[in-house]
C-alpha atoms as a PDB file:
ATOM      1  CA  MET A   1       0.000   0.000   0.000  1.00  0.00           C
ATOM      2  CA  THR A   2       1.423   3.389  -1.012  1.00  0.00           C
ATOM      3  CA  GLU A   3       1.508   6.322   1.374  1.00  0.00           C
ATOM      4  CA  GLN A   4      -1.069   8.154  -0.756  1.00  0.00           C
ATOM      5  CA  THR A   5      -3.479   5.183  -0.650  1.00  0.00           C
ATOM      6  CA  PHE A   6      -3.042   4.906   3.111  1.00  0.00           C
ATOM      7  CA  VAL A   7      -3.799   8.601   3.588  1.00  0.00           C
ATOM      8  CA  GLU A   8      -6.883   8.380   1.349  1.00  0.00           C
ATOM      9  CA  LYS A   9      -8.260   5.425   3.323  1.00  0.00           C
ATOM     10  CA  LEU A  10      -7.568   7.183   6.614  1.00  0.00           C
ATOM     11  CA  ASN A  11      -9.349  10.324   5.410  1.00  0.00           C
ATOM     12  CA  LYS A  12     -12.329   8.233   4.283  1.00  0.00           C
ATOM     13  CA  LYS A  13     -12.566   6.551   7.699  1.00  0.00           C
ATOM     14  CA  ASN A  14     -12.404   9.944   9.395  1.00  0.00           C
ATOM     15  CA  ARG A  15     -15.198  11.297   7.177  1.00  0.00           C
ATOM     16  CA  ILE A  16     -17.362   8.276   7.975  1.00  0.00           C
ATOM     17  CA  ARG A  17     -16.671   8.633  11.698  1.00  0.00           C
ATOM     18  CA  GLN A  18     -17.500  12.334  11.546  1.00  0.00           C
ATOM     19  CA  ARG A  19     -20.752  11.662   9.680  1.00  0.00           C
ATOM     20  CA  ALA A  20     -21.723   8.989  12.238  1.00  0.00           C
ATOM     21  CA  GLU A  21     -21.240  11.488  15.064  1.00  0.00           C
ATOM     22  CA  GLU A  22     -23.225  14.168  13.226  1.00  0.00           C
ATOM     23  CA  ILE A  23     -26.306  11.990  12.701  1.00  0.00           C
ATOM     24  CA  LYS A  24     -26.284  10.285  16.119  1.00  0.00           C
ATOM     25  CA  PRO A  25     -28.582  12.866  17.810  1.00  0.00           C
ATOM     26  CA  TYR A  26     -31.151  12.483  15.027  1.00  0.00           C
ATOM     27  CA  ARG A  27     -31.597   8.712  15.235  1.00  0.00           C
ATOM     28  CA  CYS A  28     -34.903   7.591  16.718  1.00  0.00           C
ATOM     29  CA  ARG A  29     -34.203   5.475  19.767  1.00  0.00           C
ATOM     30  CA  TYR A  30     -36.256   2.348  20.409  1.00  0.00           C
ATOM     31  CA  LEU A  31     -37.910   2.405  16.986  1.00  0.00           C
ATOM     32  CA  ILE A  32     -37.972  -0.747  14.841  1.00  0.00           C
ATOM     33  CA  ALA A  33     -39.413  -1.353  11.368  1.00  0.00           C
ATOM     34  CA  VAL A  34     -40.730  -4.910  10.928  1.00  0.00           C
ATOM     35  CA  ILE A  35     -41.189  -6.395   7.436  1.00  0.00           C
ATOM     36  CA  GLU A  36     -43.473  -9.424   7.555  1.00  0.00           C
ATOM     37  CA  ASN A  37     -42.783 -12.157   4.994  1.00  0.00           C
ATOM     38  CA  PRO A  38     -41.692  -9.933   2.074  1.00  0.00           C
ATOM     39  CA  LYS A  39     -41.897 -11.524  -1.367  1.00  0.00           C
ATOM     40  CA  ASP A  40     -39.353  -9.406  -3.236  1.00  0.00           C
ATOM     41  CA  ILE A  41     -35.715  -8.876  -2.246  1.00  0.00           C
ATOM     42  CA  LYS A  42     -35.781  -5.489  -3.986  1.00  0.00           C
ATOM     43  CA  ASN A  43     -38.514  -4.282  -1.639  1.00  0.00           C
ATOM     44  CA  ILE A  44     -36.491  -5.361   1.405  1.00  0.00           C
ATOM     45  CA  GLY A  45     -33.601  -3.250   0.159  1.00  0.00           C
ATOM     46  CA  THR A  46     -35.879  -0.255  -0.382  1.00  0.00           C
ATOM     47  CA  VAL A  47     -37.296  -0.479   3.134  1.00  0.00           C
ATOM     48  CA  ILE A  48     -33.808  -0.757   4.654  1.00  0.00           C
ATOM     49  CA  ARG A  49     -32.773   2.307   2.665  1.00  0.00           C
ATOM     50  CA  ASN A  50     -35.782   4.213   4.026  1.00  0.00           C
ATOM     51  CA  VAL A  51     -35.015   3.002   7.551  1.00  0.00           C
ATOM     52  CA  ASN A  52     -31.436   4.229   7.353  1.00  0.00           C
ATOM     53  CA  ALA A  53     -32.227   7.547   5.671  1.00  0.00           C
ATOM     54  CA  LEU A  54     -34.993   8.403   8.154  1.00  0.00           C
ATOM     55  CA  GLY A  55     -33.046   7.462  11.274  1.00  0.00           C
ATOM     56  CA  VAL A  56     -34.952   4.350  12.378  1.00  0.00           C
ATOM     57  CA  GLU A  57     -32.879   2.310  14.811  1.00  0.00           C
ATOM     58  CA  LYS A  58     -33.363  -1.260  13.485  1.00  0.00           C
ATOM     59  CA  THR A  59     -35.045  -3.438  10.856  1.00  0.00           C
ATOM     60  CA  TYR A  60     -36.563  -6.842  11.645  1.00  0.00           C
ATOM     61  CA  ILE A  61     -37.424  -9.169   8.759  1.00  0.00           C
ATOM     62  CA  ILE A  62     -39.740 -12.166   9.120  1.00  0.00           C
ATOM     63  CA  ASP A  63     -38.333 -14.582   6.570  1.00  0.00           C
ATOM     64  CA  PRO A  64     -39.867 -18.082   6.838  1.00  0.00           C
ATOM     65  CA  LYS A  65     -38.325 -19.194   3.529  1.00  0.00           C
ATOM     66  CA  HIS A  66     -34.776 -18.391   4.670  1.00  0.00           C
ATOM     67  CA  ALA A  67     -34.114 -16.173   1.686  1.00  0.00           C
ATOM     68  CA  LEU A  68     -31.695 -14.171   3.859  1.00  0.00           C
ATOM     69  CA  PRO A  69     -28.712 -15.268   5.958  1.00  0.00           C
ATOM     70  CA  ASP A  70     -29.104 -15.372   9.747  1.00  0.00           C
ATOM     71  CA  ASN A  71     -25.906 -13.426  10.228  1.00  0.00           C
ATOM     72  CA  TRP A  72     -26.218  -9.681   9.792  1.00  0.00           C
ATOM     73  CA  GLU A  73     -22.562  -9.470   8.763  1.00  0.00           C
ATOM     74  CA  LYS A  74     -23.303 -11.691   5.758  1.00  0.00           C
ATOM     75  CA  MET A  75     -26.228  -9.442   4.759  1.00  0.00           C
ATOM     76  CA  ARG A  76     -23.795  -6.528   4.717  1.00  0.00           C
ATOM     77  CA  GLU A  77     -21.660  -8.159   2.069  1.00  0.00           C
ATOM     78  CA  GLU A  78     -22.187  -7.253  -1.570  1.00  0.00           C
ATOM     79  CA  GLY A  79     -25.312  -9.220  -2.432  1.00  0.00           C
ATOM     80  CA  PRO A  80     -28.936  -8.579  -3.421  1.00  0.00           C
ATOM     81  CA  ILE A  81     -29.784  -6.515  -0.325  1.00  0.00           C
ATOM     82  CA  PHE A  82     -26.522  -4.586  -0.457  1.00  0.00           C
ATOM     83  CA  GLY A  83     -27.317  -3.493  -3.995  1.00  0.00           C
ATOM     84  CA  THR A  84     -31.034  -2.761  -3.661  1.00  0.00           C
ATOM     85  CA  SER A  85     -30.544  -0.866  -0.397  1.00  0.00           C
ATOM     86  CA  VAL A  86     -27.804   1.197  -2.095  1.00  0.00           C
ATOM     87  CA  SER A  87     -25.409  -0.103   0.602  1.00  0.00           C
ATOM     88  CA  ALA A  88     -27.720   1.133   3.415  1.00  0.00           C
ATOM     89  CA  VAL A  89     -27.659  -2.372   4.930  1.00  0.00           C
ATOM     90  CA  LYS A  90     -23.971  -1.773   5.633  1.00  0.00           C
ATOM     91  CA  TRP A  91     -24.934   1.000   8.053  1.00  0.00           C
ATOM     92  CA  SER A  92     -28.166  -0.477   9.475  1.00  0.00           C
ATOM     93  CA  PHE A  93     -28.839  -3.211  12.016  1.00  0.00           C
ATOM     94  CA  VAL A  94     -30.978  -5.975  10.467  1.00  0.00           C
ATOM     95  CA  LYS A  95     -32.286  -9.080  12.257  1.00  0.00           C
ATOM     96  CA  ARG A  96     -34.255 -11.938  10.675  1.00  0.00           C
ATOM     97  CA  PHE A  97     -36.868 -14.215  12.241  1.00  0.00           C
ATOM     98  CA  ASP A  98     -38.255 -17.551  11.099  1.00  0.00           C
ATOM     99  CA  SER A  99     -41.864 -16.647  11.923  1.00  0.00           C
ATOM    100  CA  THR A 100     -44.246 -13.916  13.000  1.00  0.00           C
ATOM    101  CA  GLU A 101     -44.651 -15.716  16.327  1.00  0.00           C
ATOM    102  CA  ASP A 102     -40.906 -15.590  17.008  1.00  0.00           C
ATOM    103  CA  CYS A 103     -40.740 -11.885  16.231  1.00  0.00           C
ATOM    104  CA  ILE A 104     -43.746 -11.051  18.419  1.00  0.00           C
ATOM    105  CA  LYS A 105     -42.259 -13.040  21.302  1.00  0.00           C
ATOM    106  CA  HIS A 106     -38.932 -11.231  20.947  1.00  0.00           C
ATOM    107  CA  LEU A 107     -40.574  -7.796  20.849  1.00  0.00           C
ATOM    108  CA  LYS A 108     -42.787  -8.475  23.857  1.00  0.00           C
ATOM    109  CA  LYS A 109     -39.838  -9.821  25.839  1.00  0.00           C
ATOM    110  CA  ASN A 110     -38.070  -6.515  25.226  1.00  0.00           C
ATOM    111  CA  ARG A 111     -41.234  -4.511  26.048  1.00  0.00           C
ATOM    112  CA  PHE A 112     -41.882  -3.128  22.565  1.00  0.00           C
ATOM    113  CA  ILE A 113     -45.403  -2.135  21.541  1.00  0.00           C
ATOM    114  CA  SER A 114     -46.364  -3.124  17.993  1.00  0.00           C
ATOM    115  CA  ILE A 115     -48.484  -1.147  15.555  1.00  0.00           C
ATOM    116  CA  VAL A 116     -49.402  -2.353  12.068  1.00  0.00           C
ATOM    117  CA  THR A 117     -49.926  -0.535   8.784  1.00  0.00           C
ATOM    118  CA  SER A 118     -52.731  -1.232   6.335  1.00  0.00           C
ATOM    119  CA  SER A 119     -54.699   0.535   3.628  1.00  0.00           C
ATOM    120  CA  HIS A 120     -57.860  -0.885   5.224  1.00  0.00           C
ATOM    121  CA  LEU A 121     -59.332  -0.782   8.722  1.00  0.00           C
ATOM    122  CA  LYS A 122     -58.083  -3.687  10.827  1.00  0.00           C
ATOM    123  CA  GLY A 123     -58.126  -4.528  14.515  1.00  0.00           C
ATOM    124  CA  ASN A 124     -59.909  -2.715  17.326  1.00  0.00           C
ATOM    125  CA  LYS A 125     -58.090   0.614  17.029  1.00  0.00           C
ATOM    126  CA  ASN A 126     -57.452   2.446  13.775  1.00  0.00           C
ATOM    127  CA  VAL A 127     -55.951   5.863  13.091  1.00  0.00           C
ATOM    128  CA  ILE A 128     -55.179   7.977  10.035  1.00  0.00           C
ATOM    129  CA  LEU A 129     -51.399   8.401   9.817  1.00  0.00           C
ATOM    130  CA  HIS A 130     -51.185  12.179  10.272  1.00  0.00           C
ATOM    131  CA  GLU A 131     -53.730  12.103  13.137  1.00  0.00           C
ATOM    132  CA  GLY A 132     -51.832   9.561  15.266  1.00  0.00           C
ATOM    133  CA  ASP A 133     -49.551  10.311  18.211  1.00  0.00           C
ATOM    134  CA  PHE A 134     -46.523   8.044  17.933  1.00  0.00           C
ATOM    135  CA  THR A 135     -44.575   9.611  20.793  1.00  0.00           C
ATOM    136  CA  LYS A 136     -46.613   7.955  23.530  1.00  0.00           C
ATOM    137  CA  TYR A 137     -44.871   4.612  22.939  1.00  0.00           C
ATOM    138  CA  SER A 138     -41.451   4.510  24.586  1.00  0.00           C
ATOM    139  CA  LYS A 139     -40.518   1.398  22.562  1.00  0.00           C
ATOM    140  CA  LEU A 140     -42.270   1.039  19.210  1.00  0.00           C
ATOM    141  CA  ALA A 141     -42.242  -1.575  16.430  1.00  0.00           C
ATOM    142  CA  VAL A 142     -43.950  -0.587  13.148  1.00  0.00           C
ATOM    143  CA  TRP A 143     -45.108  -3.555  11.067  1.00  0.00           C
ATOM    144  CA  PHE A 144     -45.431  -3.677   7.274  1.00  0.00           C
ATOM    145  CA  GLY A 145     -47.143  -6.600   5.553  1.00  0.00           C
ATOM    146  CA  ASN A 146     -46.101  -8.335   2.365  1.00  0.00           C
ATOM    147  CA  GLU A 147     -46.853  -7.108  -1.128  1.00  0.00           C
ATOM    148  CA  SER A 148     -49.773  -9.426  -1.963  1.00  0.00           C
ATOM    149  CA  GLN A 149     -51.547 -10.321   1.287  1.00  0.00           C
ATOM    150  CA  GLY A 150     -50.752  -7.364   3.509  1.00  0.00           C
ATOM    151  CA  ILE A 151     -50.327  -7.678   7.240  1.00  0.00           C
ATOM    152  CA  SER A 152     -51.259 -10.982   8.898  1.00  0.00           C
ATOM    153  CA  ASP A 153     -54.162 -11.474  11.308  1.00  0.00           C
ATOM    154  CA  LEU A 154     -51.694 -12.628  13.952  1.00  0.00           C
ATOM    155  CA  ALA A 155     -49.717  -9.396  13.718  1.00  0.00           C
ATOM    156  CA  VAL A 156     -52.945  -7.364  13.888  1.00  0.00           C
ATOM    157  CA  LYS A 157     -54.135  -9.329  16.918  1.00  0.00           C
ATOM    158  CA  ASN A 158     -50.893  -8.565  18.756  1.00  0.00           C
ATOM    159  CA  SER A 159     -50.793  -4.888  17.824  1.00  0.00           C
ATOM    160  CA  ASP A 160     -51.943  -1.829  19.732  1.00  0.00           C
ATOM    161  CA  LEU A 161     -53.008   0.142  16.684  1.00  0.00           C
ATOM    162  CA  CYS A 162     -53.592  -0.049  12.928  1.00  0.00           C
ATOM    163  CA  VAL A 163     -52.275   2.924  10.949  1.00  0.00           C
ATOM    164  CA  ASN A 164     -53.899   3.868   7.635  1.00  0.00           C
ATOM    165  CA  ILE A 165     -52.565   6.108   4.872  1.00  0.00           C
ATOM    166  CA  PRO A 166     -55.506   8.070   3.423  1.00  0.00           C
ATOM    167  CA  MET A 167     -56.129   7.280  -0.269  1.00  0.00           C
ATOM    168  CA  PHE A 168     -57.846   9.691  -2.671  1.00  0.00           C
ATOM    169  CA  GLY A 169     -57.477   7.953  -6.017  1.00  0.00           C
ATOM    170  CA  MET A 170     -58.939   4.972  -7.819  1.00  0.00           C
ATOM    171  CA  ILE A 171     -55.959   2.874  -6.624  1.00  0.00           C
ATOM    172  CA  GLU A 172     -56.302   2.176  -2.904  1.00  0.00           C
ATOM    173  CA  SER A 173     -52.915   0.680  -2.140  1.00  0.00           C
ATOM    174  CA  LEU A 174     -49.220   1.552  -2.290  1.00  0.00           C
ATOM    175  CA  ASN A 175     -46.192  -0.671  -2.703  1.00  0.00           C
ATOM    176  CA  LEU A 176     -44.094  -1.690   0.296  1.00  0.00           C
ATOM    177  CA  GLY A 177     -41.260   0.728  -0.355  1.00  0.00           C
ATOM    178  CA  THR A 178     -43.555   3.732  -0.759  1.00  0.00           C
ATOM    179  CA  THR A 179     -45.703   2.801   2.249  1.00  0.00           C
ATOM    180  CA  SER A 180     -42.709   2.374   4.538  1.00  0.00           C
ATOM    181  CA  GLY A 181     -41.260   5.706   3.422  1.00  0.00           C
ATOM    182  CA  ILE A 182     -44.476   7.638   4.055  1.00  0.00           C
ATOM    183  CA  VAL A 183     -45.279   6.000   7.403  1.00  0.00           C
ATOM    184  CA  LEU A 184     -41.755   6.104   8.803  1.00  0.00           C
ATOM    185  CA  TYR A 185     -41.303   9.729   7.750  1.00  0.00           C
ATOM    186  CA  GLU A 186     -44.287  10.798   9.864  1.00  0.00           C
ATOM    187  CA  ILE A 187     -43.344   8.628  12.833  1.00  0.00           C
ATOM    188  CA  THR A 188     -39.674   9.627  12.866  1.00  0.00           C
ATOM    189  CA  LYS A 189     -40.576  13.298  12.486  1.00  0.00           C
ATOM    190  CA  GLN A 190     -42.759  13.114  15.602  1.00  0.00           C
ATOM    191  CA  ARG A 191     -40.331  11.062  17.666  1.00  0.00           C
ATOM    192  CA  ARG A 192     -37.285  13.144  16.686  1.00  0.00           C
ATOM    193  CA  GLU A 193     -39.010  16.331  17.799  1.00  0.00           C
ATOM    194  CA  TYR A 194     -40.098  14.611  21.003  1.00  0.00           C
ATOM    195  CA  GLN A 195     -36.561  13.386  21.701  1.00  0.00           C
ATOM    196  CA  ARG A 196     -35.108  16.825  20.985  1.00  0.00           C
ATOM    197  CA  LYS A 197     -37.548  18.547  23.317  1.00  0.00           C
ATOM    198  CA  TYR A 198     -37.109  16.157  26.218  1.00  0.00           C
ATOM    199  CA  SER A 199     -33.373  15.823  25.702  1.00  0.00           C
ATOM    200  CA  HIS A 200     -33.161  19.605  26.109  1.00  0.00           C
ATOM    201  CA  LYS A 201     -35.246  19.453  29.276  1.00  0.00           C
ATOM    202  CA  ASN A 202     -33.099  16.631  30.598  1.00  0.00           C
ATOM    203  CA  LYS A 203     -30.026  18.847  30.341  1.00  0.00           C
ATOM    204  CA  ARG A 204     -31.824  21.228  32.677  1.00  0.00           C
ATOM    205  CA  GLY A 205     -32.418  18.516  35.263  1.00  0.00           C
ATOM    206  CA  ARG A 206     -35.694  16.992  34.122  1.00  0.00           C
ATOM    207  CA  LYS A 207     -36.233  13.326  33.470  1.00  0.00           C
ATOM    208  CA  TYR A 208     -35.718  12.131  29.885  1.00  0.00           C
ATOM    209  CA  ILE A 209     -38.669   9.786  29.299  1.00  0.00           C
ATOM    210  CA  ALA A 210     -38.352   8.860  25.614  1.00  0.00           C
END
């Protein structure tokens, strides 16, 4: 390795480290995006890209067909998700589960509340996206169903809320990548503002509750 190459690599590492420090305050703590049984690898990559760009902490993927490796480090290698996420998987934590049941059990064990997304009314509680308050959940998992069947009845049954995106056209559904971008934008916007406000109060001696 030449001295010039070494310096270039060192500068790149420093830029990455600096960028990581700059975005740290804007990441939404205790916020997970859950993709339930996705059919298309490309859509998984798009969701992970949205997750990373919007500052969501983690992505969980329910993958009963074992289309993805168990090891996150292997997902980060140059493969289908690396390409379709535009390398976002390299900078995002991703965990896979064999079943919806396993994921629900894991989330409940760690005291996360689940909410689901759907273009139709499901479950006992429903809310229009921009009318919901997503800051009242200290630990929140946002579920997105697969491209053909939507969210499962089991996920709905174990959720606290069903979030709907209002539709005003003849087409009453959006693809997984678009839905995740719209929903996570609203939720992260609310939670980031909430974190900023209470983080500021915490510096003045008040309890940080987010």
